[in-house]
Amino acid sequence: MKILDASIHGILDYATVIVFASAPTLLGFSGAAAMLAYLLAGVHLAMTVLTDMPLGLVKIIPMRLHALVEMLVGPTLIAAALLAPSLVMGAQGFFVASGIAICAVWFLSDYASAKQSG
């Protein structure tokens, strides 16, 4: 069931950037966990700005590639947090929850709507 159109997906992408960028300060992350959160914020912002969807600004990354990246990042975050907890010390729950949220958005998004509305 694809209930998120490309515009809603874009809003959620920008919200995800804010969550990743603010998590170290708001949740007290330091070291590798903070660096990973900031890295994810930067990469997610770049992907969103560059994706060919209604809220993308430059529109050079096809929505299918954007979808593929999200399909890979969600499970990777979950696996990294569970298999290498020392990497995200003190932030394991945050990264597992973030991975689950990214997987859910990927599963619920109608990526084909990007061309219809963009």
PDB file of N, CA and C in Angstrom:
ATOM      1  N   MET A   1       0.852  -1.174   0.000  1.00  0.00           N
ATOM      2  CA  MET A   1       0.000   0.000   0.000  1.00  0.00           C
ATOM      3  C   MET A   1       0.899   1.239   0.000  1.00  0.00           C
ATOM      4  N   LYS A   2       0.869   1.987  -1.062  1.00  0.00           N
ATOM      5  CA  LYS A   2       1.714   3.171  -1.238  1.00  0.00           C
ATOM      6  C   LYS A   2       0.886   4.417  -0.921  1.00  0.00           C
ATOM      7  N   ILE A   3       0.976   4.894   0.317  1.00  0.00           N
ATOM      8  CA  ILE A   3       0.122   6.006   0.741  1.00  0.00           C
ATOM      9  C   ILE A   3       0.845   7.350   0.790  1.00  0.00           C
ATOM     10  N   LEU A   4       2.149   7.351   0.586  1.00  0.00           N
ATOM     11  CA  LEU A   4       2.912   8.600   0.631  1.00  0.00           C
ATOM     12  C   LEU A   4       3.272   9.029  -0.786  1.00  0.00           C
ATOM     13  N   ASP A   5       2.708  10.158  -1.242  1.00  0.00           N
ATOM     14  CA  ASP A   5       3.090  10.636  -2.567  1.00  0.00           C
ATOM     15  C   ASP A   5       4.446  11.330  -2.480  1.00  0.00           C
ATOM     16  N   ALA A   6       4.970  11.739  -3.624  1.00  0.00           N
ATOM     17  CA  ALA A   6       6.324  12.294  -3.675  1.00  0.00           C
ATOM     18  C   ALA A   6       6.456  13.590  -2.878  1.00  0.00           C
ATOM     19  N   SER A   7       5.403  14.385  -2.808  1.00  0.00           N
ATOM     20  CA  SER A   7       5.476  15.630  -2.028  1.00  0.00           C
ATOM     21  C   SER A   7       5.584  15.342  -0.537  1.00  0.00           C
ATOM     22  N   ILE A   8       4.756  14.431  -0.051  1.00  0.00           N
ATOM     23  CA  ILE A   8       4.830  14.048   1.369  1.00  0.00           C
ATOM     24  C   ILE A   8       6.181  13.401   1.651  1.00  0.00           C
ATOM     25  N   HIS A   9       6.646  12.576   0.730  1.00  0.00           N
ATOM     26  CA  HIS A   9       7.955  11.946   0.895  1.00  0.00           C
ATOM     27  C   HIS A   9       9.040  13.019   1.039  1.00  0.00           C
ATOM     28  N   GLY A  10       8.981  14.048   0.211  1.00  0.00           N
ATOM     29  CA  GLY A  10       9.960  15.134   0.299  1.00  0.00           C
ATOM     30  C   GLY A  10       9.925  15.832   1.646  1.00  0.00           C
ATOM     31  N   ILE A  11       8.722  16.084   2.150  1.00  0.00           N
ATOM     32  CA  ILE A  11       8.585  16.706   3.476  1.00  0.00           C
ATOM     33  C   ILE A  11       9.230  15.816   4.532  1.00  0.00           C
ATOM     34  N   LEU A  12       8.956  14.514   4.460  1.00  0.00           N
ATOM     35  CA  LEU A  12       9.547  13.581   5.421  1.00  0.00           C
ATOM     36  C   LEU A  12      11.064  13.516   5.283  1.00  0.00           C
ATOM     37  N   ASP A  13      11.567  13.635   4.060  1.00  0.00           N
ATOM     38  CA  ASP A  13      13.017  13.650   3.856  1.00  0.00           C
ATOM     39  C   ASP A  13      13.656  14.853   4.545  1.00  0.00           C
ATOM     40  N   TYR A  14      13.083  16.034   4.357  1.00  0.00           N
ATOM     41  CA  TYR A  14      13.643  17.228   5.010  1.00  0.00           C
ATOM     42  C   TYR A  14      13.511  17.122   6.534  1.00  0.00           C
ATOM     43  N   ALA A  15      12.413  16.539   7.022  1.00  0.00           N
ATOM     44  CA  ALA A  15      12.256  16.327   8.467  1.00  0.00           C
ATOM     45  C   ALA A  15      13.324  15.364   8.986  1.00  0.00           C
ATOM     46  N   THR A  16      13.650  14.356   8.191  1.00  0.00           N
ATOM     47  CA  THR A  16      14.691  13.398   8.569  1.00  0.00           C
ATOM     48  C   THR A  16      16.044  14.089   8.708  1.00  0.00           C
ATOM     49  N   VAL A  17      16.321  15.013   7.810  1.00  0.00           N
ATOM     50  CA  VAL A  17      17.570  15.788   7.896  1.00  0.00           C
ATOM     51  C   VAL A  17      17.622  16.534   9.227  1.00  0.00           C
ATOM     52  N   ILE A  18      16.522  17.168   9.595  1.00  0.00           N
ATOM     53  CA  ILE A  18      16.468  17.918  10.857  1.00  0.00           C
ATOM     54  C   ILE A  18      16.675  16.981  12.044  1.00  0.00           C
ATOM     55  N   VAL A  19      16.049  15.815  12.005  1.00  0.00           N
ATOM     56  CA  VAL A  19      16.193  14.849  13.100  1.00  0.00           C
ATOM     57  C   VAL A  19      17.649  14.404  13.235  1.00  0.00           C
ATOM     58  N   PHE A  20      18.270  14.004  12.126  1.00  0.00           N
ATOM     59  CA  PHE A  20      19.666  13.564  12.194  1.00  0.00           C
ATOM     60  C   PHE A  20      20.592  14.699  12.632  1.00  0.00           C
ATOM     61  N   ALA A  21      20.372  15.901  12.117  1.00  0.00           N
ATOM     62  CA  ALA A  21      21.256  17.029  12.439  1.00  0.00           C
ATOM     63  C   ALA A  21      21.111  17.489  13.884  1.00  0.00           C
ATOM     64  N   SER A  22      19.925  17.365  14.445  1.00  0.00           N
ATOM     65  CA  SER A  22      19.707  17.850  15.809  1.00  0.00           C
ATOM     66  C   SER A  22      19.901  16.769  16.871  1.00  0.00           C
ATOM     67  N   ALA A  23      19.908  15.508  16.483  1.00  0.00           N
ATOM     68  CA  ALA A  23      20.013  14.413  17.454  1.00  0.00           C
ATOM     69  C   ALA A  23      21.242  14.499  18.352  1.00  0.00           C
ATOM     70  N   PRO A  24      22.439  14.778  17.823  1.00  0.00           N
ATOM     71  CA  PRO A  24      23.591  14.835  18.729  1.00  0.00           C
ATOM     72  C   PRO A  24      23.424  15.861  19.851  1.00  0.00           C
ATOM     73  N   THR A  25      22.880  17.015  19.530  1.00  0.00           N
ATOM     74  CA  THR A  25      22.690  18.048  20.547  1.00  0.00           C
ATOM     75  C   THR A  25      21.543  17.699  21.482  1.00  0.00           C
ATOM     76  N   LEU A  26      20.402  17.333  20.904  1.00  0.00           N
ATOM     77  CA  LEU A  26      19.217  17.080  21.721  1.00  0.00           C
ATOM     78  C   LEU A  26      19.314  15.800  22.542  1.00  0.00           C
ATOM     79  N   LEU A  27      20.002  14.793  22.012  1.00  0.00           N
ATOM     80  CA  LEU A  27      20.079  13.500  22.690  1.00  0.00           C
ATOM     81  C   LEU A  27      21.439  13.234  23.326  1.00  0.00           C
ATOM     82  N   GLY A  28      22.356  14.176  23.189  1.00  0.00           N
ATOM     83  CA  GLY A  28      23.650  14.065  23.854  1.00  0.00           C
ATOM     84  C   GLY A  28      24.619  13.080  23.226  1.00  0.00           C
ATOM     85  N   PHE A  29      24.524  12.860  21.927  1.00  0.00           N
ATOM     86  CA  PHE A  29      25.469  11.963  21.266  1.00  0.00           C
ATOM     87  C   PHE A  29      26.839  12.618  21.193  1.00  0.00           C
ATOM     88  N   SER A  30      27.869  11.789  21.230  1.00  0.00           N
ATOM     89  CA  SER A  30      29.231  12.287  21.031  1.00  0.00           C
ATOM     90  C   SER A  30      29.999  11.254  20.219  1.00  0.00           C
ATOM     91  N   GLY A  31      31.195  11.604  19.835  1.00  0.00           N
ATOM     92  CA  GLY A  31      32.066  10.677  19.121  1.00  0.00           C
ATOM     93  C   GLY A  31      31.471  10.181  17.819  1.00  0.00           C
ATOM     94  N   ALA A  32      31.632   8.873  17.587  1.00  0.00           N
ATOM     95  CA  ALA A  32      31.206   8.266  16.326  1.00  0.00           C
ATOM     96  C   ALA A  32      29.705   8.386  16.105  1.00  0.00           C
ATOM     97  N   ALA A  33      28.920   8.286  17.170  1.00  0.00           N
ATOM     98  CA  ALA A  33      27.463   8.393  17.017  1.00  0.00           C
ATOM     99  C   ALA A  33      27.076   9.774  16.503  1.00  0.00           C
ATOM    100  N   ALA A  34      27.686  10.815  17.045  1.00  0.00           N
ATOM    101  CA  ALA A  34      27.399  12.180  16.584  1.00  0.00           C
ATOM    102  C   ALA A  34      27.868  12.365  15.149  1.00  0.00           C
ATOM    103  N   MET A  35      29.066  11.877  14.853  1.00  0.00           N
ATOM    104  CA  MET A  35      29.586  12.018  13.487  1.00  0.00           C
ATOM    105  C   MET A  35      28.698  11.296  12.481  1.00  0.00           C
ATOM    106  N   LEU A  36      28.215  10.106  12.836  1.00  0.00           N
ATOM    107  CA  LEU A  36      27.332   9.357  11.946  1.00  0.00           C
ATOM    108  C   LEU A  36      26.019  10.108  11.730  1.00  0.00           C
ATOM    109  N   ALA A  37      25.471  10.671  12.794  1.00  0.00           N
ATOM    110  CA  ALA A  37      24.219  11.425  12.663  1.00  0.00           C
ATOM    111  C   ALA A  37      24.406  12.633  11.749  1.00  0.00           C
ATOM    112  N   TYR A  38      25.503  13.359  11.936  1.00  0.00           N
ATOM    113  CA  TYR A  38      25.768  14.522  11.070  1.00  0.00           C
ATOM    114  C   TYR A  38      26.019  14.092   9.621  1.00  0.00           C
ATOM    115  N   LEU A  39      26.742  12.995   9.442  1.00  0.00           N
ATOM    116  CA  LEU A  39      26.994  12.485   8.096  1.00  0.00           C
ATOM    117  C   LEU A  39      25.681  12.103   7.411  1.00  0.00           C
ATOM    118  N   LEU A  40      24.824  11.398   8.139  1.00  0.00           N
ATOM    119  CA  LEU A  40      23.530  11.007   7.579  1.00  0.00           C
ATOM    120  C   LEU A  40      22.681  12.229   7.247  1.00  0.00           C
ATOM    121  N   ALA A  41      22.730  13.256   8.089  1.00  0.00           N
ATOM    122  CA  ALA A  41      21.986  14.490   7.805  1.00  0.00           C
ATOM    123  C   ALA A  41      22.475  15.115   6.509  1.00  0.00           C
ATOM    124  N   GLY A  42      23.784  15.201   6.342  1.00  0.00           N
ATOM    125  CA  GLY A  42      24.350  15.807   5.140  1.00  0.00           C
ATOM    126  C   GLY A  42      24.036  15.023   3.879  1.00  0.00           C
ATOM    127  N   VAL A  43      24.187  13.709   3.954  1.00  0.00           N
ATOM    128  CA  VAL A  43      23.914  12.866   2.785  1.00  0.00           C
ATOM    129  C   VAL A  43      22.430  12.907   2.438  1.00  0.00           C
ATOM    130  N   HIS A  44      21.586  12.837   3.461  1.00  0.00           N
ATOM    131  CA  HIS A  44      20.139  12.858   3.220  1.00  0.00           C
ATOM    132  C   HIS A  44      19.708  14.205   2.633  1.00  0.00           C
ATOM    133  N   LEU A  45      20.304  15.284   3.121  1.00  0.00           N
ATOM    134  CA  LEU A  45      19.988  16.602   2.564  1.00  0.00           C
ATOM    135  C   LEU A  45      20.404  16.676   1.099  1.00  0.00           C
ATOM    136  N   ALA A  46      21.607  16.227   0.805  1.00  0.00           N
ATOM    137  CA  ALA A  46      22.087  16.260  -0.581  1.00  0.00           C
ATOM    138  C   ALA A  46      21.192  15.423  -1.488  1.00  0.00           C
ATOM    139  N   MET A  47      20.854  14.220  -1.048  1.00  0.00           N
ATOM    140  CA  MET A  47      19.979  13.356  -1.856  1.00  0.00           C
ATOM    141  C   MET A  47      18.624  14.013  -2.102  1.00  0.00           C
ATOM    142  N   THR A  48      18.066  14.626  -1.079  1.00  0.00           N
ATOM    143  CA  THR A  48      16.745  15.231  -1.208  1.00  0.00           C
ATOM    144  C   THR A  48      16.781  16.444  -2.127  1.00  0.00           C
ATOM    145  N   VAL A  49      17.755  17.300  -1.937  1.00  0.00           N
ATOM    146  CA  VAL A  49      17.885  18.504  -2.768  1.00  0.00           C
ATOM    147  C   VAL A  49      18.107  18.134  -4.231  1.00  0.00           C
ATOM    148  N   LEU A  50      18.854  17.060  -4.477  1.00  0.00           N
ATOM    149  CA  LEU A  50      19.229  16.692  -5.841  1.00  0.00           C
ATOM    150  C   LEU A  50      18.257  15.736  -6.532  1.00  0.00           C
ATOM    151  N   THR A  51      17.237  15.250  -5.814  1.00  0.00           N
ATOM    152  CA  THR A  51      16.322  14.265  -6.388  1.00  0.00           C
ATOM    153  C   THR A  51      15.238  14.924  -7.234  1.00  0.00           C
ATOM    154  N   ASP A  52      14.906  14.274  -8.329  1.00  0.00           N
ATOM    155  CA  ASP A  52      13.866  14.738  -9.247  1.00  0.00           C
ATOM    156  C   ASP A  52      12.494  14.394  -8.663  1.00  0.00           C
ATOM    157  N   MET A  53      12.050  15.237  -7.731  1.00  0.00           N
ATOM    158  CA  MET A  53      10.740  15.102  -7.096  1.00  0.00           C
ATOM    159  C   MET A  53      10.235  16.507  -6.796  1.00  0.00           C
ATOM    160  N   PRO A  54       8.975  16.654  -6.416  1.00  0.00           N
ATOM    161  CA  PRO A  54       8.417  18.000  -6.236  1.00  0.00           C
ATOM    162  C   PRO A  54       9.223  18.916  -5.312  1.00  0.00           C
ATOM    163  N   LEU A  55       9.774  18.406  -4.229  1.00  0.00           N
ATOM    164  CA  LEU A  55      10.518  19.262  -3.306  1.00  0.00           C
ATOM    165  C   LEU A  55      12.027  19.221  -3.531  1.00  0.00           C
ATOM    166  N   GLY A  56      12.463  18.512  -4.543  1.00  0.00           N
ATOM    167  CA  GLY A  56      13.874  18.542  -4.925  1.00  0.00           C
ATOM    168  C   GLY A  56      14.179  19.878  -5.578  1.00  0.00           C
ATOM    169  N   LEU A  57      15.364  20.391  -5.370  1.00  0.00           N
ATOM    170  CA  LEU A  57      15.707  21.712  -5.900  1.00  0.00           C
ATOM    171  C   LEU A  57      16.470  21.649  -7.213  1.00  0.00           C
ATOM    172  N   VAL A  58      17.342  20.660  -7.377  1.00  0.00           N
ATOM    173  CA  VAL A  58      18.181  20.579  -8.573  1.00  0.00           C
ATOM    174  C   VAL A  58      17.679  19.500  -9.541  1.00  0.00           C
ATOM    175  N   LYS A  59      17.083  18.460  -9.037  1.00  0.00           N
ATOM    176  CA  LYS A  59      16.408  17.418  -9.818  1.00  0.00           C
ATOM    177  C   LYS A  59      17.318  16.689 -10.810  1.00  0.00           C
ATOM    178  N   ILE A  60      18.450  16.196 -10.320  1.00  0.00           N
ATOM    179  CA  ILE A  60      19.336  15.428 -11.199  1.00  0.00           C
ATOM    180  C   ILE A  60      19.412  13.947 -10.831  1.00  0.00           C
ATOM    181  N   ILE A  61      18.968  13.576  -9.636  1.00  0.00           N
ATOM    182  CA  ILE A  61      18.969  12.172  -9.224  1.00  0.00           C
ATOM    183  C   ILE A  61      17.574  11.607  -9.485  1.00  0.00           C
ATOM    184  N   PRO A  62      17.479  10.540 -10.266  1.00  0.00           N
ATOM    185  CA  PRO A  62      16.165   9.940 -10.516  1.00  0.00           C
ATOM    186  C   PRO A  62      15.546   9.419  -9.214  1.00  0.00           C
ATOM    187  N   MET A  63      14.244   9.510  -9.113  1.00  0.00           N
ATOM    188  CA  MET A  63      13.550   9.050  -7.913  1.00  0.00           C
ATOM    189  C   MET A  63      13.801   7.559  -7.668  1.00  0.00           C
ATOM    190  N   ARG A  64      13.999   6.792  -8.725  1.00  0.00           N
ATOM    191  CA  ARG A  64      14.277   5.357  -8.557  1.00  0.00           C
ATOM    192  C   ARG A  64      15.593   5.140  -7.818  1.00  0.00           C
ATOM    193  N   LEU A  65      16.607   5.959  -8.091  1.00  0.00           N
ATOM    194  CA  LEU A  65      17.882   5.852  -7.380  1.00  0.00           C
ATOM    195  C   LEU A  65      17.709   6.289  -5.930  1.00  0.00           C
ATOM    196  N   HIS A  66      16.954   7.343  -5.708  1.00  0.00           N
ATOM    197  CA  HIS A  66      16.646   7.810  -4.355  1.00  0.00           C
ATOM    198  C   HIS A  66      15.996   6.663  -3.570  1.00  0.00           C
ATOM    199  N   ALA A  67      15.033   5.986  -4.199  1.00  0.00           N
ATOM    200  CA  ALA A  67      14.348   4.866  -3.552  1.00  0.00           C
ATOM    201  C   ALA A  67      15.322   3.737  -3.232  1.00  0.00           C
ATOM    202  N   LEU A  68      16.214   3.435  -4.154  1.00  0.00           N
ATOM    203  CA  LEU A  68      17.200   2.377  -3.939  1.00  0.00           C
ATOM    204  C   LEU A  68      18.101   2.703  -2.754  1.00  0.00           C
ATOM    205  N   VAL A  69      18.554   3.941  -2.672  1.00  0.00           N
ATOM    206  CA  VAL A  69      19.408   4.350  -1.553  1.00  0.00           C
ATOM    207  C   VAL A  69      18.662   4.171  -0.237  1.00  0.00           C
ATOM    208  N   GLU A  70      17.406   4.600  -0.179  1.00  0.00           N
ATOM    209  CA  GLU A  70      16.635   4.440   1.057  1.00  0.00           C
ATOM    210  C   GLU A  70      16.409   2.971   1.389  1.00  0.00           C
ATOM    211  N   MET A  71      16.167   2.156   0.368  1.00  0.00           N
ATOM    212  CA  MET A  71      15.965   0.730   0.579  1.00  0.00           C
ATOM    213  C   MET A  71      17.210   0.094   1.209  1.00  0.00           C
ATOM    214  N   LEU A  72      18.390   0.611   0.888  1.00  0.00           N
ATOM    215  CA  LEU A  72      19.641   0.078   1.427  1.00  0.00           C
ATOM    216  C   LEU A  72      20.020   0.703   2.766  1.00  0.00           C
ATOM    217  N   VAL A  73      19.770   1.992   2.931  1.00  0.00           N
ATOM    218  CA  VAL A  73      20.196   2.700   4.142  1.00  0.00           C
ATOM    219  C   VAL A  73      19.422   2.238   5.372  1.00  0.00           C
ATOM    220  N   GLY A  74      18.111   2.058   5.247  1.00  0.00           N
ATOM    221  CA  GLY A  74      17.307   1.648   6.404  1.00  0.00           C
ATOM    222  C   GLY A  74      17.823   0.370   7.053  1.00  0.00           C
ATOM    223  N   PRO A  75      17.885  -0.735   6.309  1.00  0.00           N
ATOM    224  CA  PRO A  75      18.392  -1.976   6.900  1.00  0.00           C
ATOM    225  C   PRO A  75      19.850  -1.885   7.345  1.00  0.00           C
ATOM    226  N   THR A  76      20.649  -1.099   6.628  1.00  0.00           N
ATOM    227  CA  THR A  76      22.055  -0.942   7.006  1.00  0.00           C
ATOM    228  C   THR A  76      22.177  -0.259   8.361  1.00  0.00           C
ATOM    229  N   LEU A  77      21.364   0.756   8.598  1.00  0.00           N
ATOM    230  CA  LEU A  77      21.382   1.428   9.906  1.00  0.00           C
ATOM    231  C   LEU A  77      21.001   0.463  11.021  1.00  0.00           C
ATOM    232  N   ILE A  78      19.956  -0.305  10.786  1.00  0.00           N
ATOM    233  CA  ILE A  78      19.513  -1.272  11.794  1.00  0.00           C
ATOM    234  C   ILE A  78      20.625  -2.284  12.064  1.00  0.00           C
ATOM    235  N   ALA A  79      21.191  -2.844  11.010  1.00  0.00           N
ATOM    236  CA  ALA A  79      22.249  -3.846  11.162  1.00  0.00           C
ATOM    237  C   ALA A  79      23.470  -3.271  11.861  1.00  0.00           C
ATOM    238  N   ALA A  80      23.876  -2.072  11.479  1.00  0.00           N
ATOM    239  CA  ALA A  80      25.057  -1.455  12.096  1.00  0.00           C
ATOM    240  C   ALA A  80      24.838  -1.237  13.585  1.00  0.00           C
ATOM    241  N   ALA A  81      23.659  -0.761  13.939  1.00  0.00           N
ATOM    242  CA  ALA A  81      23.378  -0.499  15.351  1.00  0.00           C
ATOM    243  C   ALA A  81      23.333  -1.788  16.166  1.00  0.00           C
ATOM    244  N   LEU A  82      22.828  -2.857  15.567  1.00  0.00           N
ATOM    245  CA  LEU A  82      22.708  -4.119  16.297  1.00  0.00           C
ATOM    246  C   LEU A  82      23.984  -4.953  16.272  1.00  0.00           C
ATOM    247  N   LEU A  83      24.714  -4.893  15.169  1.00  0.00           N
ATOM    248  CA  LEU A  83      25.906  -5.735  15.028  1.00  0.00           C
ATOM    249  C   LEU A  83      27.194  -5.054  15.479  1.00  0.00           C
ATOM    250  N   ALA A  84      27.188  -3.735  15.511  1.00  0.00           N
ATOM    251  CA  ALA A  84      28.374  -2.986  15.950  1.00  0.00           C
ATOM    252  C   ALA A  84      27.949  -1.897  16.933  1.00  0.00           C
ATOM    253  N   PRO A  85      27.376  -2.301  18.063  1.00  0.00           N
ATOM    254  CA  PRO A  85      26.859  -1.298  19.002  1.00  0.00           C
ATOM    255  C   PRO A  85      27.921  -0.346  19.527  1.00  0.00           C
ATOM    256  N   SER A  86      29.175  -0.768  19.537  1.00  0.00           N
ATOM    257  CA  SER A  86      30.228   0.131  20.011  1.00  0.00           C
ATOM    258  C   SER A  86      30.402   1.322  19.071  1.00  0.00           C
ATOM    259  N   LEU A  87      30.028   1.148  17.803  1.00  0.00           N
ATOM    260  CA  LEU A  87      30.112   2.241  16.834  1.00  0.00           C
ATOM    261  C   LEU A  87      29.152   3.368  17.199  1.00  0.00           C
ATOM    262  N   VAL A  88      27.998   3.016  17.712  1.00  0.00           N
ATOM    263  CA  VAL A  88      26.968   4.019  18.020  1.00  0.00           C
ATOM    264  C   VAL A  88      26.653   4.029  19.517  1.00  0.00           C
ATOM    265  N   MET A  89      27.691   3.864  20.313  1.00  0.00           N
ATOM    266  CA  MET A  89      27.536   3.772  21.754  1.00  0.00           C
ATOM    267  C   MET A  89      26.617   4.869  22.295  1.00  0.00           C
ATOM    268  N   GLY A  90      25.595   4.458  23.013  1.00  0.00           N
ATOM    269  CA  GLY A  90      24.655   5.397  23.603  1.00  0.00           C
ATOM    270  C   GLY A  90      23.566   5.857  22.648  1.00  0.00           C
ATOM    271  N   ALA A  91      23.639   5.428  21.402  1.00  0.00           N
ATOM    272  CA  ALA A  91      22.658   5.883  20.415  1.00  0.00           C
ATOM    273  C   ALA A  91      22.078   4.718  19.621  1.00  0.00           C
ATOM    274  N   GLN A  92      22.255   3.520  20.120  1.00  0.00           N
ATOM    275  CA  GLN A  92      21.812   2.336  19.399  1.00  0.00           C
ATOM    276  C   GLN A  92      20.314   2.388  19.098  1.00  0.00           C
ATOM    277  N   GLY A  93      19.517   2.710  20.087  1.00  0.00           N
ATOM    278  CA  GLY A  93      18.065   2.783  19.896  1.00  0.00           C
ATOM    279  C   GLY A  93      17.670   3.810  18.855  1.00  0.00           C
ATOM    280  N   PHE A  94      18.347   4.949  18.861  1.00  0.00           N
ATOM    281  CA  PHE A  94      18.057   6.000  17.889  1.00  0.00           C
ATOM    282  C   PHE A  94      18.308   5.513  16.468  1.00  0.00           C
ATOM    283  N   PHE A  95      19.443   4.858  16.242  1.00  0.00           N
ATOM    284  CA  PHE A  95      19.768   4.412  14.891  1.00  0.00           C
ATOM    285  C   PHE A  95      18.896   3.240  14.446  1.00  0.00           C
ATOM    286  N   VAL A  96      18.521   2.353  15.360  1.00  0.00           N
ATOM    287  CA  VAL A  96      17.576   1.286  15.011  1.00  0.00           C
ATOM    288  C   VAL A  96      16.227   1.900  14.638  1.00  0.00           C
ATOM    289  N   ALA A  97      15.740   2.824  15.464  1.00  0.00           N
ATOM    290  CA  ALA A  97      14.455   3.476  15.174  1.00  0.00           C
ATOM    291  C   ALA A  97      14.510   4.255  13.865  1.00  0.00           C
ATOM    292  N   SER A  98      15.624   4.924  13.613  1.00  0.00           N
ATOM    293  CA  SER A  98      15.781   5.669  12.356  1.00  0.00           C
ATOM    294  C   SER A  98      15.762   4.725  11.162  1.00  0.00           C
ATOM    295  N   GLY A  99      16.438   3.607  11.285  1.00  0.00           N
ATOM    296  CA  GLY A  99      16.441   2.616  10.209  1.00  0.00           C
ATOM    297  C   GLY A  99      15.052   2.064   9.946  1.00  0.00           C
ATOM    298  N   ILE A 100      14.317   1.788  11.016  1.00  0.00           N
ATOM    299  CA  ILE A 100      12.941   1.299  10.865  1.00  0.00           C
ATOM    300  C   ILE A 100      12.074   2.360  10.193  1.00  0.00           C
ATOM    301  N   ALA A 101      12.231   3.617  10.605  1.00  0.00           N
ATOM    302  CA  ALA A 101      11.449   4.702  10.005  1.00  0.00           C
ATOM    303  C   ALA A 101      11.768   4.857   8.518  1.00  0.00           C
ATOM    304  N   ILE A 102      13.041   4.778   8.160  1.00  0.00           N
ATOM    305  CA  ILE A 102      13.431   4.898   6.748  1.00  0.00           C
ATOM    306  C   ILE A 102      12.860   3.728   5.946  1.00  0.00           C
ATOM    307  N   CYS A 103      12.894   2.528   6.512  1.00  0.00           N
ATOM    308  CA  CYS A 103      12.297   1.368   5.834  1.00  0.00           C
ATOM    309  C   CYS A 103      10.791   1.567   5.642  1.00  0.00           C
ATOM    310  N   ALA A 104      10.123   2.086   6.663  1.00  0.00           N
ATOM    311  CA  ALA A 104       8.677   2.309   6.570  1.00  0.00           C
ATOM    312  C   ALA A 104       8.349   3.339   5.495  1.00  0.00           C
ATOM    313  N   VAL A 105       9.102   4.435   5.461  1.00  0.00           N
ATOM    314  CA  VAL A 105       8.864   5.459   4.438  1.00  0.00           C
ATOM    315  C   VAL A 105       9.129   4.877   3.055  1.00  0.00           C
ATOM    316  N   TRP A 106      10.188   4.099   2.925  1.00  0.00           N
ATOM    317  CA  TRP A 106      10.476   3.461   1.635  1.00  0.00           C
ATOM    318  C   TRP A 106       9.312   2.567   1.211  1.00  0.00           C
ATOM    319  N   PHE A 107       8.829   1.746   2.130  1.00  0.00           N
ATOM    320  CA  PHE A 107       7.757   0.802   1.821  1.00  0.00           C
ATOM    321  C   PHE A 107       6.448   1.509   1.470  1.00  0.00           C
ATOM    322  N   LEU A 108       6.161   2.619   2.128  1.00  0.00           N
ATOM    323  CA  LEU A 108       4.877   3.309   1.957  1.00  0.00           C
ATOM    324  C   LEU A 108       4.881   4.375   0.868  1.00  0.00           C
ATOM    325  N   SER A 109       6.035   4.652   0.280  1.00  0.00           N
ATOM    326  CA  SER A 109       6.130   5.734  -0.705  1.00  0.00           C
ATOM    327  C   SER A 109       5.764   5.281  -2.111  1.00  0.00           C
ATOM    328  N   ASP A 110       5.003   6.142  -2.774  1.00  0.00           N
ATOM    329  CA  ASP A 110       4.654   5.946  -4.181  1.00  0.00           C
ATOM    330  C   ASP A 110       5.671   6.726  -5.005  1.00  0.00           C
ATOM    331  N   TYR A 111       6.787   6.086  -5.304  1.00  0.00           N
ATOM    332  CA  TYR A 111       7.872   6.764  -6.006  1.00  0.00           C
ATOM    333  C   TYR A 111       7.478   7.167  -7.425  1.00  0.00           C
ATOM    334  N   ALA A 112       6.523   6.483  -8.011  1.00  0.00           N
ATOM    335  CA  ALA A 112       6.066   6.831  -9.361  1.00  0.00           C
ATOM    336  C   ALA A 112       5.353   8.178  -9.381  1.00  0.00           C
ATOM    337  N   SER A 113       4.829   8.616  -8.247  1.00  0.00           N
ATOM    338  CA  SER A 113       4.108   9.895  -8.205  1.00  0.00           C
ATOM    339  C   SER A 113       5.037  11.087  -8.391  1.00  0.00           C
ATOM    340  N   ALA A 114       6.337  10.888  -8.292  1.00  0.00           N
ATOM    341  CA  ALA A 114       7.284  11.998  -8.470  1.00  0.00           C
ATOM    342  C   ALA A 114       7.172  12.573  -9.871  1.00  0.00           C
ATOM    343  N   LYS A 115       7.044  11.739 -10.866  1.00  0.00           N
ATOM    344  CA  LYS A 115       6.937  12.210 -12.251  1.00  0.00           C
ATOM    345  C   LYS A 115       5.566  12.818 -12.522  1.00  0.00           C
ATOM    346  N   GLN A 116       4.543  12.318 -11.864  1.00  0.00           N
ATOM    347  CA  GLN A 116       3.193  12.824 -12.081  1.00  0.00           C
ATOM    348  C   GLN A 116       3.008  14.212 -11.496  1.00  0.00           C
ATOM    349  N   SER A 117       3.663  14.467 -10.346  1.00  0.00           N
ATOM    350  CA  SER A 117       3.466  15.753  -9.673  1.00  0.00           C
ATOM    351  C   SER A 117       4.660  16.678  -9.800  1.00  0.00           C
ATOM    352  N   GLY A 118       5.815  16.165 -10.239  1.00  0.00           N
ATOM    353  CA  GLY A 118       7.029  16.971 -10.308  1.00  0.00           C
ATOM    354  C   GLY A 118       7.162  17.556 -11.612  1.00  0.00           C
TER     355      GLY A 118
END
